[in-house]
Amino acid sequence: MGREVPVWDIRDEFGDTDMLVRTLDQGRSLAKSLGDNAAALMRGHGCVVTGKTVRDAVRVAVYLMVNARLQTEAMRFGDVTFLSESETIATAEMSASPLALNRVWEYWVRRSGYASRDVPKSDSQ
């Protein structure tokens, strides 16, 4: 997920709203909070994820949820030792590599019930 997952609160700049990003100023504020990170949590609303491709963004979204669940469970046992910055970078590079991303994408396609032939082989198709 990167070095951090920032939390963006629409209320900080725009007061009470319906929690949806509806204006260019709100979008810019969210993008500024996101920065160079792959994801940001949106207080009371969910999250926003990015990726170099659609597959990469899906990977980030799936693992954001998985990692949050694992971290929550691990914290019940005591202090959690998080990845170092270099471990975070190495892990991100490995999981976003074409080989790893294609393998997990095919797995998700199969789990979804779609046949592989129904899904484009890459984001460029």
Foldseek 3Di string as FASTA:
>chain_A
DAPDAAEDELCVPPNDDPQDQDDPVSVVSLCVRCDPHQKHAYVPPGIDGDDPFPLRRVVCVVVVVVVVVVVVVVPVVPDDDDDDNVRRVVVSCVCPDPVNSQVVVCVVCVVVVHDPVVDDSGRVD
